[in-house]
Amino acid sequence: MVRVVLPQHLRTLARVSGEVTLDVTGLVTIDSMLDALETRYPMLRGTIRDHMRRRRRPFIRFFACEQDLSHEPPDTPLPEAVMTGAEPLLIVGAMAGG
């Protein structure tokens, strides 16, 4: 099971509280995790990544095990601690402006 922490606005949209757990089969990558997330919570489709290009939206960031994974290729395996459920993957809404 992969644990995922969503930002508040996406938790509200998905009607969940706290973190979500996902059953991801095969190699756990950002793409496979997002596929599982969007399958379980279809209302999140298009909120984290663009539908057509399947790329991360500009103001969304991914963190795990104190590492910023936002600019990693989507097929990069997630850290072992995330794959085993020991650590969550954090999806964070980035802030901009001054």
PDB file of N, CA and C in Angstrom:
ATOM      1  N   MET A   1       0.832  -1.188   0.000  1.00  0.00           N
ATOM      2  CA  MET A   1       0.000   0.000   0.000  1.00  0.00           C
ATOM      3  C   MET A   1       0.873   1.247   0.000  1.00  0.00           C
ATOM      4  N   VAL A   2       0.534   2.181  -0.843  1.00  0.00           N
ATOM      5  CA  VAL A   2       1.228   3.462  -0.916  1.00  0.00           C
ATOM      6  C   VAL A   2       0.370   4.489  -0.180  1.00  0.00           C
ATOM      7  N   ARG A   3       1.003   5.241   0.711  1.00  0.00           N
ATOM      8  CA  ARG A   3       0.306   6.300   1.449  1.00  0.00           C
ATOM      9  C   ARG A   3       0.549   7.623   0.741  1.00  0.00           C
ATOM     10  N   VAL A   4      -0.528   8.397   0.552  1.00  0.00           N
ATOM     11  CA  VAL A   4      -0.434   9.677  -0.144  1.00  0.00           C
ATOM     12  C   VAL A   4      -1.114  10.746   0.699  1.00  0.00           C
ATOM     13  N   VAL A   5      -0.426  11.866   0.881  1.00  0.00           N
ATOM     14  CA  VAL A   5      -0.993  13.016   1.577  1.00  0.00           C
ATOM     15  C   VAL A   5      -1.312  14.069   0.521  1.00  0.00           C
ATOM     16  N   LEU A   6      -2.574  14.435   0.442  1.00  0.00           N
ATOM     17  CA  LEU A   6      -3.040  15.426  -0.530  1.00  0.00           C
ATOM     18  C   LEU A   6      -3.171  16.794   0.134  1.00  0.00           C
ATOM     19  N   PRO A   7      -3.049  17.881  -0.646  1.00  0.00           N
ATOM     20  CA  PRO A   7      -3.340  19.201  -0.081  1.00  0.00           C
ATOM     21  C   PRO A   7      -4.828  19.314   0.261  1.00  0.00           C
ATOM     22  N   GLN A   8      -5.136  20.228   1.145  1.00  0.00           N
ATOM     23  CA  GLN A   8      -6.500  20.350   1.656  1.00  0.00           C
ATOM     24  C   GLN A   8      -7.545  20.485   0.564  1.00  0.00           C
ATOM     25  N   HIS A   9      -7.296  21.311  -0.445  1.00  0.00           N
ATOM     26  CA  HIS A   9      -8.317  21.516  -1.481  1.00  0.00           C
ATOM     27  C   HIS A   9      -8.603  20.235  -2.267  1.00  0.00           C
ATOM     28  N   LEU A  10      -7.593  19.374  -2.447  1.00  0.00           N
ATOM     29  CA  LEU A  10      -7.831  18.111  -3.144  1.00  0.00           C
ATOM     30  C   LEU A  10      -8.489  17.078  -2.236  1.00  0.00           C
ATOM     31  N   ARG A  11      -8.191  17.131  -0.936  1.00  0.00           N
ATOM     32  CA  ARG A  11      -8.894  16.254   0.015  1.00  0.00           C
ATOM     33  C   ARG A  11     -10.380  16.610   0.042  1.00  0.00           C
ATOM     34  N   THR A  12     -10.679  17.902   0.010  1.00  0.00           N
ATOM     35  CA  THR A  12     -12.076  18.340  -0.013  1.00  0.00           C
ATOM     36  C   THR A  12     -12.766  17.851  -1.281  1.00  0.00           C
ATOM     37  N   LEU A  13     -12.110  18.001  -2.417  1.00  0.00           N
ATOM     38  CA  LEU A  13     -12.677  17.557  -3.686  1.00  0.00           C
ATOM     39  C   LEU A  13     -12.913  16.049  -3.701  1.00  0.00           C
ATOM     40  N   ALA A  14     -11.965  15.288  -3.144  1.00  0.00           N
ATOM     41  CA  ALA A  14     -12.084  13.828  -3.118  1.00  0.00           C
ATOM     42  C   ALA A  14     -12.954  13.326  -1.966  1.00  0.00           C
ATOM     43  N   ARG A  15     -13.335  14.247  -1.081  1.00  0.00           N
ATOM     44  CA  ARG A  15     -14.146  13.912   0.093  1.00  0.00           C
ATOM     45  C   ARG A  15     -13.450  12.881   0.984  1.00  0.00           C
ATOM     46  N   VAL A  16     -12.188  13.162   1.296  1.00  0.00           N
ATOM     47  CA  VAL A  16     -11.421  12.320   2.212  1.00  0.00           C
ATOM     48  C   VAL A  16     -10.832  13.210   3.300  1.00  0.00           C
ATOM     49  N   SER A  17     -10.493  12.599   4.402  1.00  0.00           N
ATOM     50  CA  SER A  17      -9.786  13.332   5.455  1.00  0.00           C
ATOM     51  C   SER A  17      -8.498  12.570   5.739  1.00  0.00           C
ATOM     52  N   GLY A  18      -7.452  13.286   5.996  1.00  0.00           N
ATOM     53  CA  GLY A  18      -6.164  12.637   6.239  1.00  0.00           C
ATOM     54  C   GLY A  18      -5.573  12.085   4.962  1.00  0.00           C
ATOM     55  N   GLU A  19      -4.657  11.136   5.137  1.00  0.00           N
ATOM     56  CA  GLU A  19      -3.988  10.573   3.972  1.00  0.00           C
ATOM     57  C   GLU A  19      -4.825   9.454   3.359  1.00  0.00           C
ATOM     58  N   VAL A  20      -4.533   9.162   2.094  1.00  0.00           N
ATOM     59  CA  VAL A  20      -5.210   8.071   1.408  1.00  0.00           C
ATOM     60  C   VAL A  20      -4.205   6.944   1.184  1.00  0.00           C
ATOM     61  N   THR A  21      -4.699   5.737   1.097  1.00  0.00           N
ATOM     62  CA  THR A  21      -3.841   4.599   0.784  1.00  0.00           C
ATOM     63  C   THR A  21      -4.273   4.031  -0.551  1.00  0.00           C
ATOM     64  N   LEU A  22      -3.286   3.664  -1.347  1.00  0.00           N
ATOM     65  CA  LEU A  22      -3.548   3.155  -2.687  1.00  0.00           C
ATOM     66  C   LEU A  22      -2.858   1.823  -2.875  1.00  0.00           C
ATOM     67  N   ASP A  23      -3.508   0.925  -3.560  1.00  0.00           N
ATOM     68  CA  ASP A  23      -2.909  -0.347  -3.925  1.00  0.00           C
ATOM     69  C   ASP A  23      -2.364  -0.184  -5.336  1.00  0.00           C
ATOM     70  N   VAL A  24      -1.052  -0.081  -5.444  1.00  0.00           N
ATOM     71  CA  VAL A  24      -0.408   0.117  -6.740  1.00  0.00           C
ATOM     72  C   VAL A  24       0.297  -1.186  -7.100  1.00  0.00           C
ATOM     73  N   THR A  25      -0.068  -1.769  -8.223  1.00  0.00           N
ATOM     74  CA  THR A  25       0.553  -3.022  -8.642  1.00  0.00           C
ATOM     75  C   THR A  25       1.769  -2.751  -9.507  1.00  0.00           C
ATOM     76  N   GLY A  26       2.714  -3.646  -9.455  1.00  0.00           N
ATOM     77  CA  GLY A  26       3.927  -3.502 -10.246  1.00  0.00           C
ATOM     78  C   GLY A  26       4.865  -2.472  -9.651  1.00  0.00           C
ATOM     79  N   LEU A  27       5.711  -1.931 -10.493  1.00  0.00           N
ATOM     80  CA  LEU A  27       6.680  -0.924 -10.077  1.00  0.00           C
ATOM     81  C   LEU A  27       5.947   0.359  -9.684  1.00  0.00           C
ATOM     82  N   VAL A  28       6.251   0.893  -8.517  1.00  0.00           N
ATOM     83  CA  VAL A  28       5.569   2.098  -8.037  1.00  0.00           C
ATOM     84  C   VAL A  28       6.354   3.324  -8.505  1.00  0.00           C
ATOM     85  N   THR A  29       5.775   4.045  -9.450  1.00  0.00           N
ATOM     86  CA  THR A  29       6.349   5.272  -9.980  1.00  0.00           C
ATOM     87  C   THR A  29       5.352   6.400  -9.724  1.00  0.00           C
ATOM     88  N   ILE A  30       5.767   7.617  -9.991  1.00  0.00           N
ATOM     89  CA  ILE A  30       4.823   8.735  -9.856  1.00  0.00           C
ATOM     90  C   ILE A  30       3.631   8.503 -10.780  1.00  0.00           C
ATOM     91  N   ASP A  31       3.895   8.072 -12.007  1.00  0.00           N
ATOM     92  CA  ASP A  31       2.810   7.832 -12.968  1.00  0.00           C
ATOM     93  C   ASP A  31       1.856   6.735 -12.500  1.00  0.00           C
ATOM     94  N   SER A  32       2.402   5.601 -12.042  1.00  0.00           N
ATOM     95  CA  SER A  32       1.522   4.508 -11.620  1.00  0.00           C
ATOM     96  C   SER A  32       0.737   4.884 -10.369  1.00  0.00           C
ATOM     97  N   MET A  33       1.354   5.673  -9.484  1.00  0.00           N
ATOM     98  CA  MET A  33       0.653   6.129  -8.289  1.00  0.00           C
ATOM     99  C   MET A  33      -0.474   7.072  -8.682  1.00  0.00           C
ATOM    100  N   LEU A  34      -0.219   8.003  -9.617  1.00  0.00           N
ATOM    101  CA  LEU A  34      -1.263   8.924 -10.067  1.00  0.00           C
ATOM    102  C   LEU A  34      -2.370   8.187 -10.810  1.00  0.00           C
ATOM    103  N   ASP A  35      -2.013   7.159 -11.578  1.00  0.00           N
ATOM    104  CA  ASP A  35      -3.038   6.345 -12.244  1.00  0.00           C
ATOM    105  C   ASP A  35      -3.959   5.711 -11.204  1.00  0.00           C
ATOM    106  N   ALA A  36      -3.373   5.147 -10.150  1.00  0.00           N
ATOM    107  CA  ALA A  36      -4.174   4.515  -9.091  1.00  0.00           C
ATOM    108  C   ALA A  36      -5.019   5.549  -8.355  1.00  0.00           C
ATOM    109  N   LEU A  37      -4.438   6.724  -8.099  1.00  0.00           N
ATOM    110  CA  LEU A  37      -5.164   7.782  -7.403  1.00  0.00           C
ATOM    111  C   LEU A  37      -6.361   8.261  -8.228  1.00  0.00           C
ATOM    112  N   GLU A  38      -6.146   8.481  -9.520  1.00  0.00           N
ATOM    113  CA  GLU A  38      -7.223   8.970 -10.387  1.00  0.00           C
ATOM    114  C   GLU A  38      -8.274   7.889 -10.657  1.00  0.00           C
ATOM    115  N   THR A  39      -7.896   6.632 -10.587  1.00  0.00           N
ATOM    116  CA  THR A  39      -8.868   5.549 -10.733  1.00  0.00           C
ATOM    117  C   THR A  39      -9.766   5.480  -9.506  1.00  0.00           C
ATOM    118  N   ARG A  40      -9.162   5.581  -8.337  1.00  0.00           N
ATOM    119  CA  ARG A  40      -9.941   5.497  -7.096  1.00  0.00           C
ATOM    120  C   ARG A  40     -10.754   6.768  -6.843  1.00  0.00           C
ATOM    121  N   TYR A  41     -10.190   7.923  -7.216  1.00  0.00           N
ATOM    122  CA  TYR A  41     -10.853   9.219  -7.017  1.00  0.00           C
ATOM    123  C   TYR A  41     -10.943   9.940  -8.359  1.00  0.00           C
ATOM    124  N   PRO A  42     -11.893   9.562  -9.209  1.00  0.00           N
ATOM    125  CA  PRO A  42     -11.969  10.140 -10.553  1.00  0.00           C
ATOM    126  C   PRO A  42     -12.173  11.649 -10.565  1.00  0.00           C
ATOM    127  N   MET A  43     -12.689  12.206  -9.472  1.00  0.00           N
ATOM    128  CA  MET A  43     -12.879  13.653  -9.430  1.00  0.00           C
ATOM    129  C   MET A  43     -11.539  14.405  -9.386  1.00  0.00           C
ATOM    130  N   LEU A  44     -10.448  13.696  -9.149  1.00  0.00           N
ATOM    131  CA  LEU A  44      -9.129  14.333  -9.125  1.00  0.00           C
ATOM    132  C   LEU A  44      -8.452  14.351 -10.498  1.00  0.00           C
ATOM    133  N   ARG A  45      -9.047  13.703 -11.487  1.00  0.00           N
ATOM    134  CA  ARG A  45      -8.448  13.689 -12.830  1.00  0.00           C
ATOM    135  C   ARG A  45      -8.290  15.111 -13.340  1.00  0.00           C
ATOM    136  N   GLY A  46      -7.089  15.419 -13.762  1.00  0.00           N
ATOM    137  CA  GLY A  46      -6.806  16.741 -14.306  1.00  0.00           C
ATOM    138  C   GLY A  46      -6.408  17.769 -13.267  1.00  0.00           C
ATOM    139  N   THR A  47      -6.482  17.441 -11.993  1.00  0.00           N
ATOM    140  CA  THR A  47      -6.114  18.416 -10.963  1.00  0.00           C
ATOM    141  C   THR A  47      -4.637  18.377 -10.618  1.00  0.00           C
ATOM    142  N   ILE A  48      -4.016  17.218 -10.756  1.00  0.00           N
ATOM    143  CA  ILE A  48      -2.606  17.059 -10.398  1.00  0.00           C
ATOM    144  C   ILE A  48      -1.732  17.050 -11.643  1.00  0.00           C
ATOM    145  N   ARG A  49      -2.239  16.462 -12.696  1.00  0.00           N
ATOM    146  CA  ARG A  49      -1.516  16.450 -13.973  1.00  0.00           C
ATOM    147  C   ARG A  49      -2.482  16.734 -15.100  1.00  0.00           C
ATOM    148  N   ASP A  50      -1.934  17.277 -16.160  1.00  0.00           N
ATOM    149  CA  ASP A  50      -2.702  17.612 -17.355  1.00  0.00           C
ATOM    150  C   ASP A  50      -3.211  16.328 -18.011  1.00  0.00           C
ATOM    151  N   HIS A  51      -4.483  16.319 -18.427  1.00  0.00           N
ATOM    152  CA  HIS A  51      -5.065  15.132 -19.056  1.00  0.00           C
ATOM    153  C   HIS A  51      -4.347  14.722 -20.337  1.00  0.00           C
ATOM    154  N   MET A  52      -4.108  15.674 -21.186  1.00  0.00           N
ATOM    155  CA  MET A  52      -3.569  15.362 -22.509  1.00  0.00           C
ATOM    156  C   MET A  52      -2.090  14.985 -22.471  1.00  0.00           C
ATOM    157  N   ARG A  53      -1.286  15.803 -21.828  1.00  0.00           N
ATOM    158  CA  ARG A  53       0.163  15.569 -21.815  1.00  0.00           C
ATOM    159  C   ARG A  53       0.613  14.673 -20.680  1.00  0.00           C
ATOM    160  N   ARG A  54      -0.278  14.465 -19.685  1.00  0.00           N
ATOM    161  CA  ARG A  54       0.016  13.642 -18.509  1.00  0.00           C
ATOM    162  C   ARG A  54       1.247  14.146 -17.757  1.00  0.00           C
ATOM    163  N   ARG A  55       1.423  15.465 -17.764  1.00  0.00           N
ATOM    164  CA  ARG A  55       2.524  16.101 -17.029  1.00  0.00           C
ATOM    165  C   ARG A  55       1.985  16.778 -15.781  1.00  0.00           C
ATOM    166  N   ARG A  56       2.828  16.850 -14.783  1.00  0.00           N
ATOM    167  CA  ARG A  56       2.490  17.504 -13.521  1.00  0.00           C
ATOM    168  C   ARG A  56       2.100  18.949 -13.782  1.00  0.00           C
ATOM    169  N   ARG A  57       1.058  19.407 -13.111  1.00  0.00           N
ATOM    170  CA  ARG A  57       0.657  20.804 -13.228  1.00  0.00           C
ATOM    171  C   ARG A  57       1.723  21.688 -12.589  1.00  0.00           C
ATOM    172  N   PRO A  58       1.886  22.920 -13.074  1.00  0.00           N
ATOM    173  CA  PRO A  58       2.994  23.777 -12.625  1.00  0.00           C
ATOM    174  C   PRO A  58       3.061  24.035 -11.121  1.00  0.00           C
ATOM    175  N   PHE A  59       1.956  24.183 -10.444  1.00  0.00           N
ATOM    176  CA  PHE A  59       2.012  24.527  -9.024  1.00  0.00           C
ATOM    177  C   PHE A  59       1.746  23.339  -8.103  1.00  0.00           C
ATOM    178  N   ILE A  60       2.058  22.161  -8.600  1.00  0.00           N
ATOM    179  CA  ILE A  60       1.965  20.939  -7.795  1.00  0.00           C
ATOM    180  C   ILE A  60       3.369  20.382  -7.641  1.00  0.00           C
ATOM    181  N   ARG A  61       3.698  19.955  -6.430  1.00  0.00           N
ATOM    182  CA  ARG A  61       5.010  19.384  -6.146  1.00  0.00           C
ATOM    183  C   ARG A  61       4.841  18.031  -5.463  1.00  0.00           C
ATOM    184  N   PHE A  62       5.836  17.149  -5.657  1.00  0.00           N
ATOM    185  CA  PHE A  62       5.855  15.832  -5.024  1.00  0.00           C
ATOM    186  C   PHE A  62       7.076  15.740  -4.118  1.00  0.00           C
ATOM    187  N   PHE A  63       6.858  15.295  -2.889  1.00  0.00           N
ATOM    188  CA  PHE A  63       7.949  15.109  -1.938  1.00  0.00           C
ATOM    189  C   PHE A  63       7.829  13.732  -1.289  1.00  0.00           C
ATOM    190  N   ALA A  64       8.984  13.108  -1.057  1.00  0.00           N
ATOM    191  CA  ALA A  64       9.022  11.836  -0.342  1.00  0.00           C
ATOM    192  C   ALA A  64      10.401  11.677   0.271  1.00  0.00           C
ATOM    193  N   CYS A  65      10.433  11.189   1.498  1.00  0.00           N
ATOM    194  CA  CYS A  65      11.697  10.907   2.179  1.00  0.00           C
ATOM    195  C   CYS A  65      12.627  12.125   2.156  1.00  0.00           C
ATOM    196  N   GLU A  66      12.052  13.298   2.388  1.00  0.00           N
ATOM    197  CA  GLU A  66      12.784  14.566   2.424  1.00  0.00           C
ATOM    198  C   GLU A  66      13.452  14.915   1.096  1.00  0.00           C
ATOM    199  N   GLN A  67      12.893  14.421  -0.004  1.00  0.00           N
ATOM    200  CA  GLN A  67      13.412  14.720  -1.341  1.00  0.00           C
ATOM    201  C   GLN A  67      12.297  15.335  -2.180  1.00  0.00           C
ATOM    202  N   ASP A  68      12.671  16.312  -3.001  1.00  0.00           N
ATOM    203  CA  ASP A  68      11.741  16.894  -3.958  1.00  0.00           C
ATOM    204  C   ASP A  68      11.786  16.038  -5.225  1.00  0.00           C
ATOM    205  N   LEU A  69      10.698  15.366  -5.528  1.00  0.00           N
ATOM    206  CA  LEU A  69      10.623  14.491  -6.700  1.00  0.00           C
ATOM    207  C   LEU A  69       9.894  15.143  -7.865  1.00  0.00           C
ATOM    208  N   SER A  70       9.600  16.421  -7.732  1.00  0.00           N
ATOM    209  CA  SER A  70       8.756  17.121  -8.705  1.00  0.00           C
ATOM    210  C   SER A  70       9.309  17.114 -10.124  1.00  0.00           C
ATOM    211  N   HIS A  71      10.616  17.161 -10.272  1.00  0.00           N
ATOM    212  CA  HIS A  71      11.199  17.257 -11.610  1.00  0.00           C
ATOM    213  C   HIS A  71      11.768  15.928 -12.102  1.00  0.00           C
ATOM    214  N   GLU A  72      11.509  14.867 -11.354  1.00  0.00           N
ATOM    215  CA  GLU A  72      11.941  13.538 -11.804  1.00  0.00           C
ATOM    216  C   GLU A  72      11.038  13.076 -12.936  1.00  0.00           C
ATOM    217  N   PRO A  73      11.561  12.267 -13.849  1.00  0.00           N
ATOM    218  CA  PRO A  73      10.681  11.716 -14.897  1.00  0.00           C
ATOM    219  C   PRO A  73       9.548  10.908 -14.259  1.00  0.00           C
ATOM    220  N   PRO A  74       8.360  10.932 -14.857  1.00  0.00           N
ATOM    221  CA  PRO A  74       7.208  10.263 -14.250  1.00  0.00           C
ATOM    222  C   PRO A  74       7.359   8.749 -14.106  1.00  0.00           C
ATOM    223  N   ASP A  75       8.308   8.136 -14.824  1.00  0.00           N
ATOM    224  CA  ASP A  75       8.501   6.689 -14.712  1.00  0.00           C
ATOM    225  C   ASP A  75       9.626   6.312 -13.744  1.00  0.00           C
ATOM    226  N   THR A  76      10.115   7.294 -12.975  1.00  0.00           N
ATOM    227  CA  THR A  76      11.143   7.031 -11.974  1.00  0.00           C
ATOM    228  C   THR A  76      10.512   6.309 -10.779  1.00  0.00           C
ATOM    229  N   PRO A  77      11.106   5.198 -10.350  1.00  0.00           N
ATOM    230  CA  PRO A  77      10.546   4.506  -9.179  1.00  0.00           C
ATOM    231  C   PRO A  77      10.588   5.400  -7.938  1.00  0.00           C
ATOM    232  N   LEU A  78       9.539   5.313  -7.128  1.00  0.00           N
ATOM    233  CA  LEU A  78       9.504   6.052  -5.867  1.00  0.00           C
ATOM    234  C   LEU A  78      10.447   5.379  -4.869  1.00  0.00           C
ATOM    235  N   PRO A  79      10.889   6.115  -3.842  1.00  0.00           N
ATOM    236  CA  PRO A  79      11.779   5.519  -2.849  1.00  0.00           C
ATOM    237  C   PRO A  79      11.159   4.270  -2.206  1.00  0.00           C
ATOM    238  N   GLU A  80      12.012   3.346  -1.802  1.00  0.00           N
ATOM    239  CA  GLU A  80      11.582   2.085  -1.203  1.00  0.00           C
ATOM    240  C   GLU A  80      10.638   2.306  -0.018  1.00  0.00           C
ATOM    241  N   ALA A  81      10.933   3.321   0.813  1.00  0.00           N
ATOM    242  CA  ALA A  81      10.097   3.590   1.986  1.00  0.00           C
ATOM    243  C   ALA A  81       8.674   3.980   1.585  1.00  0.00           C
ATOM    244  N   VAL A  82       8.507   4.603   0.434  1.00  0.00           N
ATOM    245  CA  VAL A  82       7.168   4.954  -0.052  1.00  0.00           C
ATOM    246  C   VAL A  82       6.487   3.705  -0.606  1.00  0.00           C
ATOM    247  N   MET A  83       7.237   2.891  -1.341  1.00  0.00           N
ATOM    248  CA  MET A  83       6.673   1.670  -1.921  1.00  0.00           C
ATOM    249  C   MET A  83       6.144   0.722  -0.847  1.00  0.00           C
ATOM    250  N   THR A  84       6.811   0.683   0.295  1.00  0.00           N
ATOM    251  CA  THR A  84       6.406  -0.231   1.362  1.00  0.00           C
ATOM    252  C   THR A  84       5.375   0.379   2.305  1.00  0.00           C
ATOM    253  N   GLY A  85       5.095   1.667   2.151  1.00  0.00           N
ATOM    254  CA  GLY A  85       4.128   2.329   3.015  1.00  0.00           C
ATOM    255  C   GLY A  85       4.723   2.874   4.298  1.00  0.00           C
ATOM    256  N   ALA A  86       6.042   2.768   4.460  1.00  0.00           N
ATOM    257  CA  ALA A  86       6.685   3.293   5.665  1.00  0.00           C
ATOM    258  C   ALA A  86       6.661   4.818   5.696  1.00  0.00           C
ATOM    259  N   GLU A  87       6.762   5.434   4.528  1.00  0.00           N
ATOM    260  CA  GLU A  87       6.729   6.893   4.398  1.00  0.00           C
ATOM    261  C   GLU A  87       5.653   7.272   3.382  1.00  0.00           C
ATOM    262  N   PRO A  88       4.985   8.410   3.577  1.00  0.00           N
ATOM    263  CA  PRO A  88       3.980   8.831   2.589  1.00  0.00           C
ATOM    264  C   PRO A  88       4.615   9.635   1.459  1.00  0.00           C
ATOM    265  N   LEU A  89       3.927   9.681   0.349  1.00  0.00           N
ATOM    266  CA  LEU A  89       4.255  10.616  -0.725  1.00  0.00           C
ATOM    267  C   LEU A  89       3.407  11.839  -0.466  1.00  0.00           C
ATOM    268  N   LEU A  90       4.047  12.999  -0.437  1.00  0.00           N
ATOM    269  CA  LEU A  90       3.340  14.255  -0.192  1.00  0.00           C
ATOM    270  C   LEU A  90       3.090  14.956  -1.525  1.00  0.00           C
ATOM    271  N   ILE A  91       1.850  15.271  -1.798  1.00  0.00           N
ATOM    272  CA  ILE A  91       1.507  16.097  -2.959  1.00  0.00           C
ATOM    273  C   ILE A  91       1.172  17.452  -2.391  1.00  0.00           C
ATOM    274  N   VAL A  92       1.943  18.461  -2.812  1.00  0.00           N
ATOM    275  CA  VAL A  92       1.874  19.776  -2.200  1.00  0.00           C
ATOM    276  C   VAL A  92       1.517  20.814  -3.251  1.00  0.00           C
ATOM    277  N   GLY A  93       0.605  21.697  -2.905  1.00  0.00           N
ATOM    278  CA  GLY A  93       0.300  22.837  -3.757  1.00  0.00           C
ATOM    279  C   GLY A  93       1.338  23.928  -3.493  1.00  0.00           C
ATOM    280  N   ALA A  94       2.141  24.260  -4.496  1.00  0.00           N
ATOM    281  CA  ALA A  94       3.204  25.236  -4.332  1.00  0.00           C
ATOM    282  C   ALA A  94       2.628  26.645  -4.259  1.00  0.00           C
ATOM    283  N   MET A  95       3.377  27.539  -3.624  1.00  0.00           N
ATOM    284  CA  MET A  95       2.962  28.932  -3.507  1.00  0.00           C
ATOM    285  C   MET A  95       3.836  29.781  -4.412  1.00  0.00           C
ATOM    286  N   ALA A  96       3.265  30.826  -4.932  1.00  0.00           N
ATOM    287  CA  ALA A  96       4.007  31.751  -5.783  1.00  0.00           C
ATOM    288  C   ALA A  96       3.595  33.174  -5.435  1.00  0.00           C
ATOM    289  N   GLY A  97       4.404  34.078  -5.844  1.00  0.00           N
ATOM    290  CA  GLY A  97       4.071  35.482  -5.618  1.00  0.00           C
ATOM    291  C   GLY A  97       5.008  36.113  -4.614  1.00  0.00           C
ATOM    292  N   GLY A  98       4.733  37.359  -4.316  1.00  0.00           N
ATOM    293  CA  GLY A  98       5.668  38.065  -3.440  1.00  0.00           C
ATOM    294  C   GLY A  98       5.054  38.692  -2.264  1.00  0.00           C
TER     295      GLY A  98
END
